[in-house]
């Protein structure tokens, strides 16, 4: 068992950190003074990324709840705390848009992109709540607009954005901020054969460093429950969701509903 390091430098855990956006973010977090826990399902890639940023190695399959809990326990054992969780692990489905559905591919992409998100939040929140922590979820522009070429991937990224927005209020009551990062086409392996087509058309690609820089920007922002877009040639910015239609009462007035756990309900229900 390794001895816990006593430095007061903040600790960041990054999943899907063996390459691409995750590896770039680990390097930038380390350069900014963070101690980093590098998590990836590929042990060799995890070790290589950790070596380059001086981070702690933890190979894990994020689709498994127990392994999510184990990665947090490792961060605490090694560094004594956890301040930032970047839930970046993700895979493409390789499922063409036409049916029938390949169930094995469906289960795999949901396991990593959706289960990995929900399990990662569940595992990191108890420790993050002790340090006014931050969670950043790597989603995608595919979760904001229809990705007709890869609908299963779009399904998972839409779910990620929806979950971030839905859980933000509850987490803020525990002094945790959570946001989603929604990059456009990025020059990583997840593009697969699409990368050649994009380059042939001269379409600008983001680099992993571009997305990592945007991630640091979002982590430094005070807001929560937002989906930040990242596209080539533009500064990252929160996406402006349109307001939902207002439910009307029989007399034509606007109906108001406040869940009991919401901040507004708690304030108005306090004697």
C-alpha atoms as a PDB file:
ATOM      1  CA  UNK A   1       0.000   0.000   0.000  1.00  0.00           C
ATOM      2  CA  UNK A   2       1.410   3.389  -0.963  1.00  0.00           C
ATOM      3  CA  UNK A   3       1.656   6.167   1.567  1.00  0.00           C
ATOM      4  CA  UNK A   4      -0.805   9.000   1.199  1.00  0.00           C
ATOM      5  CA  UNK A   5       0.797  12.148  -0.195  1.00  0.00           C
ATOM      6  CA  UNK A   6       0.303  15.179   2.028  1.00  0.00           C
ATOM      7  CA  UNK A   7       0.518  17.980  -0.565  1.00  0.00           C
ATOM      8  CA  UNK A   8      -2.394  20.428  -0.542  1.00  0.00           C
ATOM      9  CA  UNK A   9      -2.448  20.629  -4.341  1.00  0.00           C
ATOM     10  CA  UNK A  10      -5.905  19.775  -5.722  1.00  0.00           C
ATOM     11  CA  UNK A  11      -6.532  16.264  -6.991  1.00  0.00           C
ATOM     12  CA  UNK A  12      -8.226  15.545 -10.312  1.00  0.00           C
ATOM     13  CA  UNK A  13      -9.446  12.173 -11.556  1.00  0.00           C
ATOM     14  CA  UNK A  14      -9.868  11.726 -15.307  1.00  0.00           C
ATOM     15  CA  UNK A  15     -11.519   8.713 -16.940  1.00  0.00           C
ATOM     16  CA  UNK A  16     -10.834   7.703 -20.519  1.00  0.00           C
ATOM     17  CA  UNK A  17      -7.410   9.227 -19.912  1.00  0.00           C
ATOM     18  CA  UNK A  18      -5.216   6.811 -21.840  1.00  0.00           C
ATOM     19  CA  UNK A  19      -5.259   8.864 -25.028  1.00  0.00           C
ATOM     20  CA  UNK A  20      -7.021  11.640 -26.917  1.00  0.00           C
ATOM     21  CA  UNK A  21      -8.879  14.296 -24.954  1.00  0.00           C
ATOM     22  CA  UNK A  22      -8.367  12.541 -21.626  1.00  0.00           C
ATOM     23  CA  UNK A  23      -4.594  12.300 -21.973  1.00  0.00           C
ATOM     24  CA  UNK A  24      -4.369  15.930 -23.119  1.00  0.00           C
ATOM     25  CA  UNK A  25      -6.424  17.055 -20.144  1.00  0.00           C
ATOM     26  CA  UNK A  26      -4.281  15.061 -17.692  1.00  0.00           C
ATOM     27  CA  UNK A  27      -1.188  16.830 -19.023  1.00  0.00           C
ATOM     28  CA  UNK A  28      -2.776  20.279 -18.736  1.00  0.00           C
ATOM     29  CA  UNK A  29      -4.164  19.630 -15.251  1.00  0.00           C
ATOM     30  CA  UNK A  30      -0.737  18.463 -14.090  1.00  0.00           C
ATOM     31  CA  UNK A  31       0.903  21.531 -15.649  1.00  0.00           C
ATOM     32  CA  UNK A  32      -1.596  23.702 -13.753  1.00  0.00           C
ATOM     33  CA  UNK A  33      -0.533  22.140 -10.451  1.00  0.00           C
ATOM     34  CA  UNK A  34      -3.054  19.351  -9.991  1.00  0.00           C
ATOM     35  CA  UNK A  35      -2.228  15.856  -8.864  1.00  0.00           C
ATOM     36  CA  UNK A  36      -3.877  13.538 -11.355  1.00  0.00           C
ATOM     37  CA  UNK A  37      -5.388  10.058 -11.199  1.00  0.00           C
ATOM     38  CA  UNK A  38      -5.295   8.576 -14.692  1.00  0.00           C
ATOM     39  CA  UNK A  39      -8.113   6.076 -15.347  1.00  0.00           C
ATOM     40  CA  UNK A  40      -8.549   4.025 -18.514  1.00  0.00           C
ATOM     41  CA  UNK A  41      -9.568   0.487 -19.431  1.00  0.00           C
ATOM     42  CA  UNK A  42      -6.288  -0.026 -21.348  1.00  0.00           C
ATOM     43  CA  UNK A  43      -3.523  -0.660 -18.753  1.00  0.00           C
ATOM     44  CA  UNK A  44      -0.701   0.125 -21.173  1.00  0.00           C
ATOM     45  CA  UNK A  45      -2.250   3.397 -22.340  1.00  0.00           C
ATOM     46  CA  UNK A  46      -3.059   4.320 -18.730  1.00  0.00           C
ATOM     47  CA  UNK A  47       0.541   3.803 -17.663  1.00  0.00           C
ATOM     48  CA  UNK A  48       1.897   5.787 -20.618  1.00  0.00           C
ATOM     49  CA  UNK A  49      -0.420   8.733 -19.993  1.00  0.00           C
ATOM     50  CA  UNK A  50       0.321   8.713 -16.256  1.00  0.00           C
ATOM     51  CA  UNK A  51       4.049   8.653 -16.888  1.00  0.00           C
ATOM     52  CA  UNK A  52       3.845  11.687 -19.164  1.00  0.00           C
ATOM     53  CA  UNK A  53       1.955  13.768 -16.602  1.00  0.00           C
ATOM     54  CA  UNK A  54       3.389  12.332 -13.380  1.00  0.00           C
ATOM     55  CA  UNK A  55      -0.004  10.970 -12.389  1.00  0.00           C
ATOM     56  CA  UNK A  56      -1.237   7.918 -10.536  1.00  0.00           C
ATOM     57  CA  UNK A  57      -2.215   4.890 -12.621  1.00  0.00           C
ATOM     58  CA  UNK A  58      -5.574   3.160 -12.222  1.00  0.00           C
ATOM     59  CA  UNK A  59      -6.821   0.864 -15.005  1.00  0.00           C
ATOM     60  CA  UNK A  60     -10.600   0.453 -14.740  1.00  0.00           C
ATOM     61  CA  UNK A  61     -13.751  -0.349 -16.681  1.00  0.00           C
ATOM     62  CA  UNK A  62     -16.096   2.553 -15.945  1.00  0.00           C
ATOM     63  CA  UNK A  63     -19.153   0.500 -16.883  1.00  0.00           C
ATOM     64  CA  UNK A  64     -18.657  -1.385 -13.595  1.00  0.00           C
ATOM     65  CA  UNK A  65     -19.891   0.397 -10.445  1.00  0.00           C
ATOM     66  CA  UNK A  66     -17.415  -1.325  -8.127  1.00  0.00           C
ATOM     67  CA  UNK A  67     -14.492  -0.237 -10.295  1.00  0.00           C
ATOM     68  CA  UNK A  68     -15.735   3.349 -10.140  1.00  0.00           C
ATOM     69  CA  UNK A  69     -15.753   3.140  -6.369  1.00  0.00           C
ATOM     70  CA  UNK A  70     -12.297   1.579  -6.436  1.00  0.00           C
ATOM     71  CA  UNK A  71     -10.845   4.425  -8.528  1.00  0.00           C
ATOM     72  CA  UNK A  72     -12.084   6.955  -5.964  1.00  0.00           C
ATOM     73  CA  UNK A  73     -10.684   4.876  -3.116  1.00  0.00           C
ATOM     74  CA  UNK A  74      -7.347   4.808  -4.950  1.00  0.00           C
ATOM     75  CA  UNK A  75      -7.348   8.598  -5.310  1.00  0.00           C
ATOM     76  CA  UNK A  76      -7.972   9.010  -1.582  1.00  0.00           C
ATOM     77  CA  UNK A  77      -5.398   6.382  -0.649  1.00  0.00           C
ATOM     78  CA  UNK A  78      -2.763   7.954  -2.887  1.00  0.00           C
ATOM     79  CA  UNK A  79      -3.483  11.652  -2.471  1.00  0.00           C
ATOM     80  CA  UNK A  80      -5.813  11.957   0.522  1.00  0.00           C
ATOM     81  CA  UNK A  81      -8.638  13.765  -1.278  1.00  0.00           C
ATOM     82  CA  UNK A  82     -10.512  14.366  -4.541  1.00  0.00           C
ATOM     83  CA  UNK A  83     -11.415  17.811  -5.884  1.00  0.00           C
ATOM     84  CA  UNK A  84     -12.260  17.313  -9.562  1.00  0.00           C
ATOM     85  CA  UNK A  85     -13.767  14.419 -11.500  1.00  0.00           C
ATOM     86  CA  UNK A  86     -13.647  14.545 -15.284  1.00  0.00           C
ATOM     87  CA  UNK A  87     -15.880  11.755 -16.578  1.00  0.00           C
ATOM     88  CA  UNK A  88     -14.469  11.607 -20.060  1.00  0.00           C
ATOM     89  CA  UNK A  89     -14.543   7.909 -20.976  1.00  0.00           C
ATOM     90  CA  UNK A  90     -16.589   7.250 -24.077  1.00  0.00           C
ATOM     91  CA  UNK A  91     -16.883   4.960 -27.077  1.00  0.00           C
ATOM     92  CA  UNK A  92     -18.615   5.074 -30.418  1.00  0.00           C
ATOM     93  CA  UNK A  93     -21.211   2.441 -31.156  1.00  0.00           C
ATOM     94  CA  UNK A  94     -20.109   1.531 -34.699  1.00  0.00           C
ATOM     95  CA  UNK A  95     -23.817   0.855 -35.199  1.00  0.00           C
ATOM     96  CA  UNK A  96     -24.940   2.089 -38.627  1.00  0.00           C
ATOM     97  CA  UNK A  97     -28.084   4.222 -38.698  1.00  0.00           C
ATOM     98  CA  UNK A  98     -30.110   1.483 -40.371  1.00  0.00           C
ATOM     99  CA  UNK A  99     -31.770  -1.255 -38.329  1.00  0.00           C
ATOM    100  CA  UNK A 100     -31.878  -3.945 -37.005  1.00  0.00           C
ATOM    101  CA  UNK A 101     -30.118  -2.932 -33.830  1.00  0.00           C
ATOM    102  CA  UNK A 102     -26.921  -4.738 -32.885  1.00  0.00           C
ATOM    103  CA  UNK A 103     -27.713  -5.461 -29.235  1.00  0.00           C
ATOM    104  CA  UNK A 104     -24.101  -6.176 -28.280  1.00  0.00           C
ATOM    105  CA  UNK A 105     -22.962  -2.812 -29.635  1.00  0.00           C
ATOM    106  CA  UNK A 106     -25.955  -1.134 -27.992  1.00  0.00           C
ATOM    107  CA  UNK A 107     -25.112  -2.571 -24.561  1.00  0.00           C
ATOM    108  CA  UNK A 108     -21.454  -1.636 -24.899  1.00  0.00           C
ATOM    109  CA  UNK A 109     -21.992   2.018 -25.828  1.00  0.00           C
ATOM    110  CA  UNK A 110     -24.630   2.506 -23.114  1.00  0.00           C
ATOM    111  CA  UNK A 111     -22.428   0.724 -20.583  1.00  0.00           C
ATOM    112  CA  UNK A 112     -19.496   3.089 -21.093  1.00  0.00           C
ATOM    113  CA  UNK A 113     -21.232   6.341 -22.045  1.00  0.00           C
ATOM    114  CA  UNK A 114     -24.267   6.212 -19.740  1.00  0.00           C
ATOM    115  CA  UNK A 115     -23.540   3.719 -16.952  1.00  0.00           C
ATOM    116  CA  UNK A 116     -19.990   5.063 -16.726  1.00  0.00           C
ATOM    117  CA  UNK A 117     -21.385   8.558 -16.220  1.00  0.00           C
ATOM    118  CA  UNK A 118     -24.012   7.645 -13.618  1.00  0.00           C
ATOM    119  CA  UNK A 119     -21.636   5.315 -11.757  1.00  0.00           C
ATOM    120  CA  UNK A 120     -18.834   7.878 -11.870  1.00  0.00           C
ATOM    121  CA  UNK A 121     -21.022  10.566 -10.351  1.00  0.00           C
ATOM    122  CA  UNK A 122     -22.325   8.198  -7.686  1.00  0.00           C
ATOM    123  CA  UNK A 123     -18.799   7.141  -6.751  1.00  0.00           C
ATOM    124  CA  UNK A 124     -17.157  10.567  -6.681  1.00  0.00           C
ATOM    125  CA  UNK A 125     -19.840  12.707  -5.017  1.00  0.00           C
ATOM    126  CA  UNK A 126     -19.239  11.680  -1.360  1.00  0.00           C
ATOM    127  CA  UNK A 127     -15.598  12.791  -1.516  1.00  0.00           C
ATOM    128  CA  UNK A 128     -16.190  15.799  -3.781  1.00  0.00           C
ATOM    129  CA  UNK A 129     -18.807  17.079  -1.327  1.00  0.00           C
ATOM    130  CA  UNK A 130     -16.050  17.442   1.273  1.00  0.00           C
ATOM    131  CA  UNK A 131     -14.023  19.813  -0.908  1.00  0.00           C
ATOM    132  CA  UNK A 132     -16.522  21.942  -2.876  1.00  0.00           C
ATOM    133  CA  UNK A 133     -15.729  19.714  -5.825  1.00  0.00           C
ATOM    134  CA  UNK A 134     -16.397  19.927  -9.528  1.00  0.00           C
ATOM    135  CA  UNK A 135     -17.560  17.360 -12.064  1.00  0.00           C
ATOM    136  CA  UNK A 136     -17.074  17.763 -15.790  1.00  0.00           C
ATOM    137  CA  UNK A 137     -18.762  15.332 -18.160  1.00  0.00           C
ATOM    138  CA  UNK A 138     -17.506  14.963 -21.719  1.00  0.00           C
ATOM    139  CA  UNK A 139     -20.638  14.906 -23.861  1.00  0.00           C
ATOM    140  CA  UNK A 140     -20.763  15.999 -27.515  1.00  0.00           C
ATOM    141  CA  UNK A 141     -22.451  18.293 -29.992  1.00  0.00           C
ATOM    142  CA  UNK A 142     -24.125  15.051 -31.059  1.00  0.00           C
ATOM    143  CA  UNK A 143     -26.132  15.307 -27.848  1.00  0.00           C
ATOM    144  CA  UNK A 144     -27.468  18.740 -28.790  1.00  0.00           C
ATOM    145  CA  UNK A 145     -28.341  18.129 -32.429  1.00  0.00           C
ATOM    146  CA  UNK A 146     -29.209  14.973 -34.342  1.00  0.00           C
ATOM    147  CA  UNK A 147     -26.196  12.913 -35.384  1.00  0.00           C
ATOM    148  CA  UNK A 148     -27.873  10.923 -38.124  1.00  0.00           C
ATOM    149  CA  UNK A 149     -24.741   8.918 -38.891  1.00  0.00           C
ATOM    150  CA  UNK A 150     -24.395   7.561 -35.354  1.00  0.00           C
ATOM    151  CA  UNK A 151     -27.754   7.622 -33.577  1.00  0.00           C
ATOM    152  CA  UNK A 152     -26.732   5.367 -30.676  1.00  0.00           C
ATOM    153  CA  UNK A 153     -23.825   7.666 -29.853  1.00  0.00           C
ATOM    154  CA  UNK A 154     -26.218  10.632 -30.030  1.00  0.00           C
ATOM    155  CA  UNK A 155     -28.587   8.786 -27.692  1.00  0.00           C
ATOM    156  CA  UNK A 156     -25.892   8.414 -25.036  1.00  0.00           C
ATOM    157  CA  UNK A 157     -24.638  11.984 -25.300  1.00  0.00           C
ATOM    158  CA  UNK A 158     -28.176  13.385 -25.119  1.00  0.00           C
ATOM    159  CA  UNK A 159     -28.639  11.299 -21.985  1.00  0.00           C
ATOM    160  CA  UNK A 160     -25.408  12.673 -20.533  1.00  0.00           C
ATOM    161  CA  UNK A 161     -26.475  16.284 -21.058  1.00  0.00           C
ATOM    162  CA  UNK A 162     -29.949  15.620 -19.688  1.00  0.00           C
ATOM    163  CA  UNK A 163     -28.544  13.966 -16.573  1.00  0.00           C
ATOM    164  CA  UNK A 164     -26.089  16.790 -15.929  1.00  0.00           C
ATOM    165  CA  UNK A 165     -28.858  19.385 -16.154  1.00  0.00           C
ATOM    166  CA  UNK A 166     -31.251  17.322 -14.026  1.00  0.00           C
ATOM    167  CA  UNK A 167     -28.836  16.540 -11.205  1.00  0.00           C
ATOM    168  CA  UNK A 168     -27.091  19.920 -11.001  1.00  0.00           C
ATOM    169  CA  UNK A 169     -29.515  21.434  -8.485  1.00  0.00           C
ATOM    170  CA  UNK A 170     -29.215  18.491  -6.111  1.00  0.00           C
ATOM    171  CA  UNK A 171     -25.412  18.481  -6.334  1.00  0.00           C
ATOM    172  CA  UNK A 172     -25.192  22.241  -5.802  1.00  0.00           C
ATOM    173  CA  UNK A 173     -26.862  21.759  -2.435  1.00  0.00           C
ATOM    174  CA  UNK A 174     -23.829  19.617  -1.598  1.00  0.00           C
ATOM    175  CA  UNK A 175     -21.472  22.352  -2.849  1.00  0.00           C
ATOM    176  CA  UNK A 176     -20.600  20.483  -6.056  1.00  0.00           C
ATOM    177  CA  UNK A 177     -20.724  22.054  -9.519  1.00  0.00           C
ATOM    178  CA  UNK A 178     -21.344  19.888 -12.576  1.00  0.00           C
ATOM    179  CA  UNK A 179     -21.242  20.797 -16.251  1.00  0.00           C
ATOM    180  CA  UNK A 180     -21.104  19.061 -19.619  1.00  0.00           C
ATOM    181  CA  UNK A 181     -18.539  19.719 -22.313  1.00  0.00           C
ATOM    182  CA  UNK A 182     -19.888  19.318 -25.855  1.00  0.00           C
ATOM    183  CA  UNK A 183     -17.087  19.304 -28.431  1.00  0.00           C
ATOM    184  CA  UNK A 184     -17.626  19.034 -32.149  1.00  0.00           C
ATOM    185  CA  UNK A 185     -15.537  16.812 -34.410  1.00  0.00           C
ATOM    186  CA  UNK A 186     -12.238  16.176 -32.637  1.00  0.00           C
ATOM    187  CA  UNK A 187      -9.171  14.492 -34.090  1.00  0.00           C
ATOM    188  CA  UNK A 188      -9.257  11.333 -31.969  1.00  0.00           C
ATOM    189  CA  UNK A 189      -9.610   7.609 -32.603  1.00  0.00           C
ATOM    190  CA  UNK A 190     -13.337   7.706 -31.784  1.00  0.00           C
ATOM    191  CA  UNK A 191     -13.983   9.227 -35.235  1.00  0.00           C
ATOM    192  CA  UNK A 192     -12.931   5.977 -36.880  1.00  0.00           C
ATOM    193  CA  UNK A 193     -13.269   6.009 -40.668  1.00  0.00           C
ATOM    194  CA  UNK A 194     -15.180   9.301 -40.472  1.00  0.00           C
ATOM    195  CA  UNK A 195     -11.867  11.045 -39.858  1.00  0.00           C
ATOM    196  CA  UNK A 196     -10.726  10.450 -43.452  1.00  0.00           C
ATOM    197  CA  UNK A 197     -13.974  11.834 -44.870  1.00  0.00           C
ATOM    198  CA  UNK A 198     -13.790  14.930 -42.660  1.00  0.00           C
ATOM    199  CA  UNK A 199     -10.212  15.637 -43.683  1.00  0.00           C
ATOM    200  CA  UNK A 200     -10.989  15.049 -47.355  1.00  0.00           C
ATOM    201  CA  UNK A 201     -13.726  17.687 -47.172  1.00  0.00           C
ATOM    202  CA  UNK A 202     -11.398  20.143 -45.445  1.00  0.00           C
ATOM    203  CA  UNK A 203     -13.706  20.393 -42.434  1.00  0.00           C
ATOM    204  CA  UNK A 204     -11.829  21.904 -39.457  1.00  0.00           C
ATOM    205  CA  UNK A 205     -11.159  19.456 -36.651  1.00  0.00           C
ATOM    206  CA  UNK A 206     -10.567  20.289 -33.023  1.00  0.00           C
ATOM    207  CA  UNK A 207      -7.396  18.889 -31.491  1.00  0.00           C
ATOM    208  CA  UNK A 208      -7.432  17.091 -28.130  1.00  0.00           C
ATOM    209  CA  UNK A 209      -5.511  20.074 -26.726  1.00  0.00           C
ATOM    210  CA  UNK A 210      -8.255  22.434 -27.953  1.00  0.00           C
ATOM    211  CA  UNK A 211     -10.874  20.457 -26.042  1.00  0.00           C
ATOM    212  CA  UNK A 212      -8.647  20.134 -22.976  1.00  0.00           C
ATOM    213  CA  UNK A 213      -8.157  23.915 -22.903  1.00  0.00           C
ATOM    214  CA  UNK A 214     -11.922  24.371 -23.100  1.00  0.00           C
ATOM    215  CA  UNK A 215     -12.353  21.884 -20.251  1.00  0.00           C
ATOM    216  CA  UNK A 216     -10.051  23.939 -18.028  1.00  0.00           C
ATOM    217  CA  UNK A 217     -12.088  27.037 -18.891  1.00  0.00           C
ATOM    218  CA  UNK A 218     -15.344  25.348 -17.875  1.00  0.00           C
ATOM    219  CA  UNK A 219     -13.847  23.929 -14.679  1.00  0.00           C
ATOM    220  CA  UNK A 220     -12.897  27.470 -13.651  1.00  0.00           C
ATOM    221  CA  UNK A 221     -16.384  28.883 -14.280  1.00  0.00           C
ATOM    222  CA  UNK A 222     -18.805  29.393 -11.353  1.00  0.00           C
ATOM    223  CA  UNK A 223     -21.919  28.085 -13.121  1.00  0.00           C
ATOM    224  CA  UNK A 224     -23.465  24.646 -12.888  1.00  0.00           C
ATOM    225  CA  UNK A 225     -25.859  22.497 -14.917  1.00  0.00           C
ATOM    226  CA  UNK A 226     -24.659  23.916 -18.225  1.00  0.00           C
ATOM    227  CA  UNK A 227     -23.694  22.343 -21.549  1.00  0.00           C
ATOM    228  CA  UNK A 228     -20.672  24.117 -23.006  1.00  0.00           C
ATOM    229  CA  UNK A 229     -20.144  23.903 -26.764  1.00  0.00           C
ATOM    230  CA  UNK A 230     -16.661  23.651 -28.238  1.00  0.00           C
ATOM    231  CA  UNK A 231     -16.250  24.066 -31.996  1.00  0.00           C
ATOM    232  CA  UNK A 232     -13.306  25.004 -34.176  1.00  0.00           C
ATOM    233  CA  UNK A 233     -12.830  28.738 -34.577  1.00  0.00           C
ATOM    234  CA  UNK A 234     -15.047  29.740 -31.637  1.00  0.00           C
ATOM    235  CA  UNK A 235     -14.487  30.253 -27.945  1.00  0.00           C
ATOM    236  CA  UNK A 236     -16.285  27.760 -25.687  1.00  0.00           C
ATOM    237  CA  UNK A 237     -19.672  28.987 -24.551  1.00  0.00           C
ATOM    238  CA  UNK A 238     -22.710  27.646 -22.677  1.00  0.00           C
ATOM    239  CA  UNK A 239     -25.513  26.456 -24.922  1.00  0.00           C
ATOM    240  CA  UNK A 240     -28.726  28.477 -24.651  1.00  0.00           C
ATOM    241  CA  UNK A 241     -31.531  25.957 -24.228  1.00  0.00           C
ATOM    242  CA  UNK A 242     -34.956  27.240 -25.294  1.00  0.00           C
ATOM    243  CA  UNK A 243     -37.534  27.589 -22.514  1.00  0.00           C
ATOM    244  CA  UNK A 244     -40.071  24.801 -22.135  1.00  0.00           C
ATOM    245  CA  UNK A 245     -43.726  25.478 -22.910  1.00  0.00           C
ATOM    246  CA  UNK A 246     -45.605  26.660 -19.840  1.00  0.00           C
ATOM    247  CA  UNK A 247     -48.373  24.463 -18.467  1.00  0.00           C
ATOM    248  CA  UNK A 248     -51.638  26.346 -18.049  1.00  0.00           C
ATOM    249  CA  UNK A 249     -54.246  26.012 -15.318  1.00  0.00           C
ATOM    250  CA  UNK A 250     -57.966  25.764 -16.293  1.00  0.00           C
ATOM    251  CA  UNK A 251     -58.336  29.520 -15.660  1.00  0.00           C
ATOM    252  CA  UNK A 252     -55.504  30.276 -18.095  1.00  0.00           C
ATOM    253  CA  UNK A 253     -52.912  31.156 -15.447  1.00  0.00           C
ATOM    254  CA  UNK A 254     -49.463  29.584 -15.517  1.00  0.00           C
ATOM    255  CA  UNK A 255     -49.077  26.469 -13.394  1.00  0.00           C
ATOM    256  CA  UNK A 256     -46.118  26.382 -10.996  1.00  0.00           C
ATOM    257  CA  UNK A 257     -44.521  23.167  -9.806  1.00  0.00           C
ATOM    258  CA  UNK A 258     -41.517  23.001  -7.483  1.00  0.00           C
ATOM    259  CA  UNK A 259     -40.075  19.618  -6.506  1.00  0.00           C
ATOM    260  CA  UNK A 260     -39.664  19.354  -2.748  1.00  0.00           C
ATOM    261  CA  UNK A 261     -35.905  18.985  -3.054  1.00  0.00           C
ATOM    262  CA  UNK A 262     -35.382  22.097  -5.210  1.00  0.00           C
ATOM    263  CA  UNK A 263     -33.757  25.218  -3.787  1.00  0.00           C
ATOM    264  CA  UNK A 264     -36.797  27.394  -4.559  1.00  0.00           C
ATOM    265  CA  UNK A 265     -39.160  24.991  -2.824  1.00  0.00           C
ATOM    266  CA  UNK A 266     -36.932  24.759   0.246  1.00  0.00           C
ATOM    267  CA  UNK A 267     -36.722  28.532   0.533  1.00  0.00           C
ATOM    268  CA  UNK A 268     -40.471  29.092   0.173  1.00  0.00           C
ATOM    269  CA  UNK A 269     -41.370  26.207   2.495  1.00  0.00           C
ATOM    270  CA  UNK A 270     -39.087  27.460   5.280  1.00  0.00           C
ATOM    271  CA  UNK A 271     -41.098  29.081   8.109  1.00  0.00           C
END
